[in-house]
């Protein structure tokens, strides 16, 4: 029989699940960690690129986009999750504006 090779993954992102501070505005059943989305966005886009999230949920992609100076369009059918995302995104925008004056 043949020799079995084992692949070793050398670059694994170790990112914890969303903490309570990420769910302050509300909870979504499939919410992603902000650090994961920030890392994906930073690795795959440039500043001022436009990011579309057609299933916005609680808005984590929008927050990560804003923090990384990307433009963002989010679509959400559920009014409750839309409101949560909108609040989170407005806070993220305000944090960006506030950081300009510190």
PDB file of N, CA and C in Angstrom:
ATOM      1  N   UNK A   1       0.835  -1.175   0.000  1.00  0.00           N
ATOM      2  CA  UNK A   1       0.000   0.000   0.000  1.00  0.00           C
ATOM      3  C   UNK A   1       0.882   1.243   0.000  1.00  0.00           C
ATOM      4  N   UNK A   2       0.283   2.349  -0.393  1.00  0.00           N
ATOM      5  CA  UNK A   2       1.029   3.592  -0.530  1.00  0.00           C
ATOM      6  C   UNK A   2       1.274   4.302   0.783  1.00  0.00           C
ATOM      7  N   UNK A   3       2.189   5.205   0.726  1.00  0.00           N
ATOM      8  CA  UNK A   3       2.534   6.026   1.876  1.00  0.00           C
ATOM      9  C   UNK A   3       1.515   7.166   2.007  1.00  0.00           C
ATOM     10  N   UNK A   4       0.978   7.364   3.204  1.00  0.00           N
ATOM     11  CA  UNK A   4       0.004   8.419   3.433  1.00  0.00           C
ATOM     12  C   UNK A   4       0.722   9.687   3.870  1.00  0.00           C
ATOM     13  N   UNK A   5       0.455  10.791   3.178  1.00  0.00           N
ATOM     14  CA  UNK A   5       1.052  12.071   3.554  1.00  0.00           C
ATOM     15  C   UNK A   5       0.046  12.874   4.351  1.00  0.00           C
ATOM     16  N   UNK A   6       0.554  13.581   5.333  1.00  0.00           N
ATOM     17  CA  UNK A   6      -0.293  14.458   6.132  1.00  0.00           C
ATOM     18  C   UNK A   6       0.087  15.899   5.829  1.00  0.00           C
ATOM     19  N   UNK A   7      -0.906  16.709   5.550  1.00  0.00           N
ATOM     20  CA  UNK A   7      -0.668  18.123   5.301  1.00  0.00           C
ATOM     21  C   UNK A   7      -0.675  18.873   6.620  1.00  0.00           C
ATOM     22  N   UNK A   8       0.258  19.767   6.762  1.00  0.00           N
ATOM     23  CA  UNK A   8       0.317  20.604   7.947  1.00  0.00           C
ATOM     24  C   UNK A   8      -0.088  22.013   7.543  1.00  0.00           C
ATOM     25  N   UNK A   9      -1.097  22.514   8.189  1.00  0.00           N
ATOM     26  CA  UNK A   9      -1.525  23.883   7.927  1.00  0.00           C
ATOM     27  C   UNK A   9      -0.693  24.789   8.821  1.00  0.00           C
ATOM     28  N   UNK A  10       0.006  25.711   8.198  1.00  0.00           N
ATOM     29  CA  UNK A  10       0.909  26.563   8.972  1.00  0.00           C
ATOM     30  C   UNK A  10       0.352  27.945   9.250  1.00  0.00           C
ATOM     31  N   UNK A  11      -0.713  28.320   8.601  1.00  0.00           N
ATOM     32  CA  UNK A  11      -1.280  29.657   8.801  1.00  0.00           C
ATOM     33  C   UNK A  11      -2.755  29.554   9.150  1.00  0.00           C
ATOM     34  N   UNK A  12      -3.022  29.373  10.405  1.00  0.00           N
ATOM     35  CA  UNK A  12      -4.387  29.273  10.894  1.00  0.00           C
ATOM     36  C   UNK A  12      -4.707  30.524  11.688  1.00  0.00           C
ATOM     37  N   UNK A  13      -5.834  31.106  11.389  1.00  0.00           N
ATOM     38  CA  UNK A  13      -6.261  32.283  12.147  1.00  0.00           C
ATOM     39  C   UNK A  13      -6.978  31.807  13.400  1.00  0.00           C
ATOM     40  N   UNK A  14      -6.484  32.184  14.518  1.00  0.00           N
ATOM     41  CA  UNK A  14      -7.122  31.816  15.782  1.00  0.00           C
ATOM     42  C   UNK A  14      -7.886  33.032  16.296  1.00  0.00           C
ATOM     43  N   UNK A  15      -9.194  33.021  16.075  1.00  0.00           N
ATOM     44  CA  UNK A  15     -10.038  34.158  16.432  1.00  0.00           C
ATOM     45  C   UNK A  15     -11.214  33.640  17.250  1.00  0.00           C
ATOM     46  N   UNK A  16     -11.401  34.173  18.457  1.00  0.00           N
ATOM     47  CA  UNK A  16     -12.506  33.685  19.294  1.00  0.00           C
ATOM     48  C   UNK A  16     -13.873  34.101  18.752  1.00  0.00           C
ATOM     49  N   UNK A  17     -14.901  33.436  19.219  1.00  0.00           N
ATOM     50  CA  UNK A  17     -16.272  33.781  18.844  1.00  0.00           C
ATOM     51  C   UNK A  17     -16.604  35.179  19.352  1.00  0.00           C
ATOM     52  N   UNK A  18     -17.647  35.814  18.815  1.00  0.00           N
ATOM     53  CA  UNK A  18     -17.996  37.171  19.254  1.00  0.00           C
ATOM     54  C   UNK A  18     -18.253  37.231  20.763  1.00  0.00           C
ATOM     55  N   UNK A  19     -17.626  38.202  21.401  1.00  0.00           N
ATOM     56  CA  UNK A  19     -17.820  38.401  22.833  1.00  0.00           C
ATOM     57  C   UNK A  19     -19.070  39.221  23.115  1.00  0.00           C
ATOM     58  N   UNK A  20     -19.381  39.372  24.384  1.00  0.00           N
ATOM     59  CA  UNK A  20     -20.565  40.140  24.789  1.00  0.00           C
ATOM     60  C   UNK A  20     -20.508  41.583  24.300  1.00  0.00           C
ATOM     61  N   UNK A  21     -19.298  42.156  24.247  1.00  0.00           N
ATOM     62  CA  UNK A  21     -19.178  43.545  23.786  1.00  0.00           C
ATOM     63  C   UNK A  21     -19.586  43.698  22.322  1.00  0.00           C
ATOM     64  N   UNK A  22     -19.512  42.625  21.538  1.00  0.00           N
ATOM     65  CA  UNK A  22     -19.946  42.676  20.138  1.00  0.00           C
ATOM     66  C   UNK A  22     -21.449  42.472  20.010  1.00  0.00           C
ATOM     67  N   UNK A  23     -22.084  41.996  21.064  1.00  0.00           N
ATOM     68  CA  UNK A  23     -23.520  41.717  21.012  1.00  0.00           C
ATOM     69  C   UNK A  23     -24.317  42.679  21.891  1.00  0.00           C
ATOM     70  N   UNK A  24     -23.715  43.794  22.231  1.00  0.00           N
ATOM     71  CA  UNK A  24     -24.366  44.790  23.077  1.00  0.00           C
ATOM     72  C   UNK A  24     -25.661  45.299  22.455  1.00  0.00           C
ATOM     73  N   UNK A  25     -25.686  45.462  21.144  1.00  0.00           N
ATOM     74  CA  UNK A  25     -26.845  46.045  20.462  1.00  0.00           C
ATOM     75  C   UNK A  25     -27.901  45.006  20.110  1.00  0.00           C
ATOM     76  N   UNK A  26     -27.565  43.740  20.235  1.00  0.00           N
ATOM     77  CA  UNK A  26     -28.488  42.660  19.908  1.00  0.00           C
ATOM     78  C   UNK A  26     -27.714  41.459  19.411  1.00  0.00           C
ATOM     79  N   UNK A  27     -28.386  40.333  19.392  1.00  0.00           N
ATOM     80  CA  UNK A  27     -27.725  39.087  18.996  1.00  0.00           C
ATOM     81  C   UNK A  27     -28.276  38.583  17.668  1.00  0.00           C
ATOM     82  N   UNK A  28     -27.375  38.021  16.874  1.00  0.00           N
ATOM     83  CA  UNK A  28     -27.752  37.383  15.612  1.00  0.00           C
ATOM     84  C   UNK A  28     -27.248  35.947  15.684  1.00  0.00           C
ATOM     85  N   UNK A  29     -28.027  34.970  15.217  1.00  0.00           N
ATOM     86  CA  UNK A  29     -27.630  33.569  15.375  1.00  0.00           C
ATOM     87  C   UNK A  29     -26.347  33.171  14.634  1.00  0.00           C
ATOM     88  N   UNK A  30     -25.963  33.912  13.601  1.00  0.00           N
ATOM     89  CA  UNK A  30     -24.739  33.570  12.866  1.00  0.00           C
ATOM     90  C   UNK A  30     -23.730  34.715  12.861  1.00  0.00           C
ATOM     91  N   UNK A  31     -23.729  35.509  13.903  1.00  0.00           N
ATOM     92  CA  UNK A  31     -22.826  36.658  13.971  1.00  0.00           C
ATOM     93  C   UNK A  31     -21.371  36.208  13.935  1.00  0.00           C
ATOM     94  N   UNK A  32     -20.584  36.885  13.113  1.00  0.00           N
ATOM     95  CA  UNK A  32     -19.163  36.584  12.965  1.00  0.00           C
ATOM     96  C   UNK A  32     -18.348  37.503  13.867  1.00  0.00           C
ATOM     97  N   UNK A  33     -17.173  37.060  14.302  1.00  0.00           N
ATOM     98  CA  UNK A  33     -16.304  37.926  15.103  1.00  0.00           C
ATOM     99  C   UNK A  33     -15.806  39.110  14.273  1.00  0.00           C
ATOM    100  N   UNK A  34     -15.811  40.285  14.846  1.00  0.00           N
ATOM    101  CA  UNK A  34     -15.362  41.489  14.148  1.00  0.00           C
ATOM    102  C   UNK A  34     -13.917  41.339  13.678  1.00  0.00           C
ATOM    103  N   UNK A  35     -13.075  40.708  14.481  1.00  0.00           N
ATOM    104  CA  UNK A  35     -11.666  40.538  14.100  1.00  0.00           C
ATOM    105  C   UNK A  35     -11.527  39.689  12.837  1.00  0.00           C
ATOM    106  N   UNK A  36     -12.395  38.697  12.669  1.00  0.00           N
ATOM    107  CA  UNK A  36     -12.361  37.869  11.466  1.00  0.00           C
ATOM    108  C   UNK A  36     -12.696  38.704  10.242  1.00  0.00           C
ATOM    109  N   UNK A  37     -13.794  39.474  10.318  1.00  0.00           N
ATOM    110  CA  UNK A  37     -14.189  40.304   9.176  1.00  0.00           C
ATOM    111  C   UNK A  37     -13.162  41.390   8.887  1.00  0.00           C
ATOM    112  N   UNK A  38     -12.590  41.994   9.917  1.00  0.00           N
ATOM    113  CA  UNK A  38     -11.555  43.017   9.699  1.00  0.00           C
ATOM    114  C   UNK A  38     -10.353  42.418   8.977  1.00  0.00           C
ATOM    115  N   UNK A  39      -9.972  41.226   9.365  1.00  0.00           N
ATOM    116  CA  UNK A  39      -8.811  40.587   8.743  1.00  0.00           C
ATOM    117  C   UNK A  39      -9.086  40.235   7.285  1.00  0.00           C
ATOM    118  N   UNK A  40     -10.268  39.704   7.007  1.00  0.00           N
ATOM    119  CA  UNK A  40     -10.635  39.363   5.629  1.00  0.00           C
ATOM    120  C   UNK A  40     -10.683  40.620   4.764  1.00  0.00           C
ATOM    121  N   UNK A  41     -11.293  41.670   5.282  1.00  0.00           N
ATOM    122  CA  UNK A  41     -11.419  42.922   4.524  1.00  0.00           C
ATOM    123  C   UNK A  41     -10.059  43.551   4.271  1.00  0.00           C
ATOM    124  N   UNK A  42      -9.205  43.591   5.286  1.00  0.00           N
ATOM    125  CA  UNK A  42      -7.871  44.173   5.123  1.00  0.00           C
ATOM    126  C   UNK A  42      -7.041  43.379   4.113  1.00  0.00           C
ATOM    127  N   UNK A  43      -7.218  42.054   4.091  1.00  0.00           N
ATOM    128  CA  UNK A  43      -6.433  41.195   3.206  1.00  0.00           C
ATOM    129  C   UNK A  43      -6.930  41.204   1.759  1.00  0.00           C
ATOM    130  N   UNK A  44      -8.191  41.533   1.546  1.00  0.00           N
ATOM    131  CA  UNK A  44      -8.760  41.359   0.208  1.00  0.00           C
ATOM    132  C   UNK A  44      -9.265  42.634  -0.454  1.00  0.00           C
ATOM    133  N   UNK A  45      -9.139  43.777   0.219  1.00  0.00           N
ATOM    134  CA  UNK A  45      -9.605  45.036  -0.362  1.00  0.00           C
ATOM    135  C   UNK A  45      -8.613  46.158  -0.081  1.00  0.00           C
ATOM    136  N   UNK A  46      -8.859  47.281  -0.714  1.00  0.00           N
ATOM    137  CA  UNK A  46      -8.056  48.484  -0.502  1.00  0.00           C
ATOM    138  C   UNK A  46      -8.919  49.570   0.116  1.00  0.00           C
ATOM    139  N   UNK A  47      -8.286  50.564   0.779  1.00  0.00           N
ATOM    140  CA  UNK A  47      -9.068  51.683   1.313  1.00  0.00           C
ATOM    141  C   UNK A  47      -9.953  52.296   0.219  1.00  0.00           C
ATOM    142  N   UNK A  48     -11.160  52.635   0.619  1.00  0.00           N
ATOM    143  CA  UNK A  48     -12.201  53.230  -0.214  1.00  0.00           C
ATOM    144  C   UNK A  48     -12.865  52.241  -1.179  1.00  0.00           C
ATOM    145  N   UNK A  49     -12.458  50.974  -1.185  1.00  0.00           N
ATOM    146  CA  UNK A  49     -13.192  49.970  -1.964  1.00  0.00           C
ATOM    147  C   UNK A  49     -14.623  49.886  -1.430  1.00  0.00           C
ATOM    148  N   UNK A  50     -15.517  49.397  -2.264  1.00  0.00           N
ATOM    149  CA  UNK A  50     -16.919  49.235  -1.891  1.00  0.00           C
ATOM    150  C   UNK A  50     -17.201  47.774  -1.570  1.00  0.00           C
ATOM    151  N   UNK A  51     -17.732  47.523  -0.390  1.00  0.00           N
ATOM    152  CA  UNK A  51     -18.037  46.172   0.062  1.00  0.00           C
ATOM    153  C   UNK A  51     -19.549  46.022   0.138  1.00  0.00           C
ATOM    154  N   UNK A  52     -20.070  44.947  -0.450  1.00  0.00           N
ATOM    155  CA  UNK A  52     -21.493  44.645  -0.436  1.00  0.00           C
ATOM    156  C   UNK A  52     -21.734  43.409   0.416  1.00  0.00           C
ATOM    157  N   UNK A  53     -22.651  43.528   1.368  1.00  0.00           N
ATOM    158  CA  UNK A  53     -23.083  42.383   2.172  1.00  0.00           C
ATOM    159  C   UNK A  53     -24.584  42.239   1.969  1.00  0.00           C
ATOM    160  N   UNK A  54     -25.009  41.314   1.086  1.00  0.00           N
ATOM    161  CA  UNK A  54     -26.435  41.183   0.786  1.00  0.00           C
ATOM    162  C   UNK A  54     -27.248  40.484   1.879  1.00  0.00           C
ATOM    163  N   UNK A  55     -26.571  39.966   2.891  1.00  0.00           N
ATOM    164  CA  UNK A  55     -27.237  39.324   4.028  1.00  0.00           C
ATOM    165  C   UNK A  55     -26.610  39.901   5.291  1.00  0.00           C
ATOM    166  N   UNK A  56     -26.869  41.161   5.564  1.00  0.00           N
ATOM    167  CA  UNK A  56     -26.143  41.967   6.542  1.00  0.00           C
ATOM    168  C   UNK A  56     -26.278  41.480   7.980  1.00  0.00           C
ATOM    169  N   UNK A  57     -27.378  40.874   8.319  1.00  0.00           N
ATOM    170  CA  UNK A  57     -27.553  40.427   9.704  1.00  0.00           C
ATOM    171  C   UNK A  57     -27.401  41.575  10.672  1.00  0.00           C
ATOM    172  N   UNK A  58     -26.535  41.410  11.667  1.00  0.00           N
ATOM    173  CA  UNK A  58     -26.360  42.450  12.686  1.00  0.00           C
ATOM    174  C   UNK A  58     -25.289  43.477  12.326  1.00  0.00           C
ATOM    175  N   UNK A  59     -24.736  43.394  11.117  1.00  0.00           N
ATOM    176  CA  UNK A  59     -23.885  44.466  10.617  1.00  0.00           C
ATOM    177  C   UNK A  59     -22.398  44.369  10.883  1.00  0.00           C
ATOM    178  N   UNK A  60     -21.896  43.213  11.231  1.00  0.00           N
ATOM    179  CA  UNK A  60     -20.472  43.091  11.537  1.00  0.00           C
ATOM    180  C   UNK A  60     -19.595  43.441  10.340  1.00  0.00           C
ATOM    181  N   UNK A  61     -19.992  43.033   9.143  1.00  0.00           N
ATOM    182  CA  UNK A  61     -19.207  43.367   7.952  1.00  0.00           C
ATOM    183  C   UNK A  61     -19.156  44.879   7.750  1.00  0.00           C
ATOM    184  N   UNK A  62     -20.270  45.556   8.014  1.00  0.00           N
ATOM    185  CA  UNK A  62     -20.293  47.014   7.900  1.00  0.00           C
ATOM    186  C   UNK A  62     -19.357  47.678   8.891  1.00  0.00           C
ATOM    187  N   UNK A  63     -19.376  47.230  10.126  1.00  0.00           N
ATOM    188  CA  UNK A  63     -18.498  47.800  11.153  1.00  0.00           C
ATOM    189  C   UNK A  63     -17.040  47.580  10.760  1.00  0.00           C
ATOM    190  N   UNK A  64     -16.706  46.370  10.329  1.00  0.00           N
ATOM    191  CA  UNK A  64     -15.333  46.079   9.917  1.00  0.00           C
ATOM    192  C   UNK A  64     -14.935  46.917   8.704  1.00  0.00           C
ATOM    193  N   UNK A  65     -15.854  47.123   7.773  1.00  0.00           N
ATOM    194  CA  UNK A  65     -15.581  47.954   6.599  1.00  0.00           C
ATOM    195  C   UNK A  65     -15.284  49.389   7.008  1.00  0.00           C
ATOM    196  N   UNK A  66     -16.123  49.927   7.854  1.00  0.00           N
ATOM    197  CA  UNK A  66     -15.961  51.308   8.301  1.00  0.00           C
ATOM    198  C   UNK A  66     -14.639  51.485   9.041  1.00  0.00           C
ATOM    199  N   UNK A  67     -14.325  50.563   9.933  1.00  0.00           N
ATOM    200  CA  UNK A  67     -13.070  50.642  10.697  1.00  0.00           C
ATOM    201  C   UNK A  67     -11.843  50.566   9.792  1.00  0.00           C
ATOM    202  N   UNK A  68     -11.991  49.909   8.644  1.00  0.00           N
ATOM    203  CA  UNK A  68     -10.872  49.762   7.710  1.00  0.00           C
ATOM    204  C   UNK A  68     -10.948  50.748   6.550  1.00  0.00           C
ATOM    205  N   UNK A  69     -11.777  51.779   6.711  1.00  0.00           N
ATOM    206  CA  UNK A  69     -11.907  52.862   5.730  1.00  0.00           C
ATOM    207  C   UNK A  69     -12.347  52.367   4.354  1.00  0.00           C
ATOM    208  N   UNK A  70     -13.337  51.459   4.373  1.00  0.00           N
ATOM    209  CA  UNK A  70     -13.975  50.988   3.145  1.00  0.00           C
ATOM    210  C   UNK A  70     -15.409  51.497   3.120  1.00  0.00           C
ATOM    211  N   UNK A  71     -15.931  51.672   1.931  1.00  0.00           N
ATOM    212  CA  UNK A  71     -17.341  52.020   1.785  1.00  0.00           C
ATOM    213  C   UNK A  71     -18.149  50.741   1.900  1.00  0.00           C
ATOM    214  N   UNK A  72     -19.410  50.868   2.295  1.00  0.00           N
ATOM    215  CA  UNK A  72     -20.194  49.673   2.600  1.00  0.00           C
ATOM    216  C   UNK A  72     -21.646  49.833   2.188  1.00  0.00           C
ATOM    217  N   UNK A  73     -22.185  48.776   1.594  1.00  0.00           N
ATOM    218  CA  UNK A  73     -23.619  48.666   1.321  1.00  0.00           C
ATOM    219  C   UNK A  73     -24.080  47.358   1.959  1.00  0.00           C
ATOM    220  N   UNK A  74     -25.111  47.453   2.779  1.00  0.00           N
ATOM    221  CA  UNK A  74     -25.652  46.255   3.414  1.00  0.00           C
ATOM    222  C   UNK A  74     -27.137  46.121   3.118  1.00  0.00           C
ATOM    223  N   UNK A  75     -27.578  44.897   2.930  1.00  0.00           N
ATOM    224  CA  UNK A  75     -28.986  44.593   2.658  1.00  0.00           C
ATOM    225  C   UNK A  75     -29.454  43.583   3.703  1.00  0.00           C
ATOM    226  N   UNK A  76     -30.597  43.860   4.311  1.00  0.00           N
ATOM    227  CA  UNK A  76     -31.145  42.947   5.316  1.00  0.00           C
ATOM    228  C   UNK A  76     -32.661  42.979   5.248  1.00  0.00           C
ATOM    229  N   UNK A  77     -33.286  41.819   5.144  1.00  0.00           N
ATOM    230  CA  UNK A  77     -34.738  41.713   5.034  1.00  0.00           C
ATOM    231  C   UNK A  77     -35.427  41.820   6.398  1.00  0.00           C
ATOM    232  N   UNK A  78     -34.755  41.393   7.453  1.00  0.00           N
ATOM    233  CA  UNK A  78     -35.336  41.381   8.793  1.00  0.00           C
ATOM    234  C   UNK A  78     -35.185  42.769   9.420  1.00  0.00           C
ATOM    235  N   UNK A  79     -36.289  43.416   9.713  1.00  0.00           N
ATOM    236  CA  UNK A  79     -36.256  44.788  10.224  1.00  0.00           C
ATOM    237  C   UNK A  79     -35.509  44.893  11.551  1.00  0.00           C
ATOM    238  N   UNK A  80     -35.679  43.924  12.426  1.00  0.00           N
ATOM    239  CA  UNK A  80     -34.977  43.952  13.714  1.00  0.00           C
ATOM    240  C   UNK A  80     -33.461  43.918  13.510  1.00  0.00           C
ATOM    241  N   UNK A  81     -32.974  43.000  12.670  1.00  0.00           N
ATOM    242  CA  UNK A  81     -31.532  42.931  12.426  1.00  0.00           C
ATOM    243  C   UNK A  81     -31.042  44.156  11.661  1.00  0.00           C
ATOM    244  N   UNK A  82     -31.860  44.677  10.751  1.00  0.00           N
ATOM    245  CA  UNK A  82     -31.492  45.909  10.052  1.00  0.00           C
ATOM    246  C   UNK A  82     -31.265  47.043  11.054  1.00  0.00           C
ATOM    247  N   UNK A  83     -32.172  47.178  12.016  1.00  0.00           N
ATOM    248  CA  UNK A  83     -32.044  48.243  13.012  1.00  0.00           C
ATOM    249  C   UNK A  83     -30.790  48.065  13.869  1.00  0.00           C
ATOM    250  N   UNK A  84     -30.495  46.815  14.234  1.00  0.00           N
ATOM    251  CA  UNK A  84     -29.270  46.544  14.999  1.00  0.00           C
ATOM    252  C   UNK A  84     -28.049  46.933  14.175  1.00  0.00           C
ATOM    253  N   UNK A  85     -28.016  46.509  12.917  1.00  0.00           N
ATOM    254  CA  UNK A  85     -26.885  46.817  12.036  1.00  0.00           C
ATOM    255  C   UNK A  85     -26.739  48.312  11.830  1.00  0.00           C
ATOM    256  N   UNK A  86     -27.857  48.986  11.623  1.00  0.00           N
ATOM    257  CA  UNK A  86     -27.825  50.428  11.409  1.00  0.00           C
ATOM    258  C   UNK A  86     -27.224  51.143  12.624  1.00  0.00           C
ATOM    259  N   UNK A  87     -27.648  50.758  13.815  1.00  0.00           N
ATOM    260  CA  UNK A  87     -27.109  51.369  15.036  1.00  0.00           C
ATOM    261  C   UNK A  87     -25.603  51.106  15.160  1.00  0.00           C
ATOM    262  N   UNK A  88     -25.185  49.862  14.915  1.00  0.00           N
ATOM    263  CA  UNK A  88     -23.767  49.524  15.009  1.00  0.00           C
ATOM    264  C   UNK A  88     -22.946  50.301  13.982  1.00  0.00           C
ATOM    265  N   UNK A  89     -23.458  50.420  12.762  1.00  0.00           N
ATOM    266  CA  UNK A  89     -22.724  51.132  11.717  1.00  0.00           C
ATOM    267  C   UNK A  89     -22.641  52.627  12.004  1.00  0.00           C
ATOM    268  N   UNK A  90     -23.721  53.211  12.518  1.00  0.00           N
ATOM    269  CA  UNK A  90     -23.681  54.631  12.875  1.00  0.00           C
ATOM    270  C   UNK A  90     -22.650  54.893  13.967  1.00  0.00           C
ATOM    271  N   UNK A  91     -22.575  54.009  14.945  1.00  0.00           N
ATOM    272  CA  UNK A  91     -21.575  54.154  16.018  1.00  0.00           C
ATOM    273  C   UNK A  91     -20.168  54.022  15.441  1.00  0.00           C
ATOM    274  N   UNK A  92     -19.969  53.071  14.531  1.00  0.00           N
ATOM    275  CA  UNK A  92     -18.650  52.889  13.914  1.00  0.00           C
ATOM    276  C   UNK A  92     -18.244  54.133  13.119  1.00  0.00           C
ATOM    277  N   UNK A  93     -19.195  54.715  12.369  1.00  0.00           N
ATOM    278  CA  UNK A  93     -18.902  55.958  11.647  1.00  0.00           C
ATOM    279  C   UNK A  93     -18.549  57.082  12.614  1.00  0.00           C
ATOM    280  N   UNK A  94     -19.314  57.219  13.685  1.00  0.00           N
ATOM    281  CA  UNK A  94     -19.035  58.271  14.653  1.00  0.00           C
ATOM    282  C   UNK A  94     -17.680  58.073  15.302  1.00  0.00           C
ATOM    283  N   UNK A  95     -17.298  56.845  15.595  1.00  0.00           N
ATOM    284  CA  UNK A  95     -15.974  56.563  16.155  1.00  0.00           C
ATOM    285  C   UNK A  95     -14.877  56.993  15.195  1.00  0.00           C
ATOM    286  N   UNK A  96     -15.091  56.770  13.884  1.00  0.00           N
ATOM    287  CA  UNK A  96     -14.109  57.187  12.891  1.00  0.00           C
ATOM    288  C   UNK A  96     -13.985  58.709  12.854  1.00  0.00           C
ATOM    289  N   UNK A  97     -15.107  59.400  12.891  1.00  0.00           N
ATOM    290  CA  UNK A  97     -15.095  60.862  12.884  1.00  0.00           C
ATOM    291  C   UNK A  97     -14.421  61.383  14.151  1.00  0.00           C
ATOM    292  N   UNK A  98     -14.790  60.817  15.289  1.00  0.00           N
ATOM    293  CA  UNK A  98     -14.205  61.244  16.560  1.00  0.00           C
ATOM    294  C   UNK A  98     -12.690  61.052  16.578  1.00  0.00           C
ATOM    295  N   UNK A  99     -12.207  59.966  15.952  1.00  0.00           N
ATOM    296  CA  UNK A  99     -10.763  59.698  15.977  1.00  0.00           C
ATOM    297  C   UNK A  99      -9.977  60.734  15.166  1.00  0.00           C
ATOM    298  N   UNK A 100     -10.643  61.445  14.278  1.00  0.00           N
ATOM    299  CA  UNK A 100      -9.967  62.491  13.502  1.00  0.00           C
ATOM    300  C   UNK A 100      -9.621  63.708  14.358  1.00  0.00           C
ATOM    301  N   UNK A 101     -10.316  63.854  15.470  1.00  0.00           N
ATOM    302  CA  UNK A 101     -10.166  65.054  16.290  1.00  0.00           C
ATOM    303  C   UNK A 101      -9.485  64.781  17.624  1.00  0.00           C
ATOM    304  N   UNK A 102      -8.880  63.632  17.765  1.00  0.00           N
ATOM    305  CA  UNK A 102      -8.206  63.320  19.026  1.00  0.00           C
ATOM    306  C   UNK A 102      -6.760  63.719  18.944  1.00  0.00           C
TER     307      UNK A 102
END
